[in-house]
Amino acid sequence: MEVSQHKGPHPGLLALVFTIIFNAGLYFVISFSGNRPHFPNPGDPADTVSAYFRAQPQDVLLCAFLQFGSAIPMGIFTAAVVSRLRFLGVRAAGAHIALFGGFMLALDQGISSLALWVMSYPGIAQDASLTRALYYFVYAVGGVGYSVPLGRLIAGISIPAGMMKLLPRWLVVFGILLAICGEASWFSLLSLKLLFLIPLTRFPGFIWLIATGFLLPKAVGRETSVSA
């Protein structure tokens, strides 16, 4: 039996790079100790939102820079993991669903980061109405626009990988639960009370992406014939 190995970037390393860069960007806008201003919430008044962006332009700029950069390894991860699924014999629609979800996620991540970059420029935050409009755009595209496609990416990998026993059962079940949570976050567009579904998908999703990238088989055995 000949063992054939998939050629391409390692999805586990790509998921790890994506996670590190993305969370490095969050470091500049999230206060872990409560001693510095925190990125505003959607329910905050317009004055609070514009005041934050006027006072923290450098932190916002660094966050936008890093999170835009994180969209690149996410897009490559998507291409690499779907290519590997196809190599391992997945012919179901799930691989194409994963491709759609991952590319949509990377695109939305890039768009929301560039809009955040615009908000870091002097003079933009002086206009409270413009700042609030851009802020909600960033929150929507980088929030539900992240979690819903992530759910599709995870479902598109988990279901065929589970059926073909390419991933451990616990990881498949974990992925399906995350996918359901991600798709349910769509309803946060109707009620801000459901916003918790976005981080509930996003942060455990980092663990799932890294684990899947490292545990998905790289090699497959193929029968060979020998002629005399």
Foldseek 3Di string as FASTA:
>chain_A
DDKDFADDDQLLVLLVLLVVLLVVLLVLADDPPPPDHHQDDLVDDLVVNLVVLVVRLVSLQSSLVSQLVSLVSLLRSLVVVLSQCVVQPDPDCLSVLLNVLSNQLSVLSNVLSVLSNVSSDPPQSVPSVSSSVSVVSSCVSNFLSNLQSLLSNLLSCLPVCVVVVQADPVLSVVSNVLSVLSNVLVCCVVPVVSSVSRVVNPPVSSVSSNRCSVRGDRMDDDDDDDDD
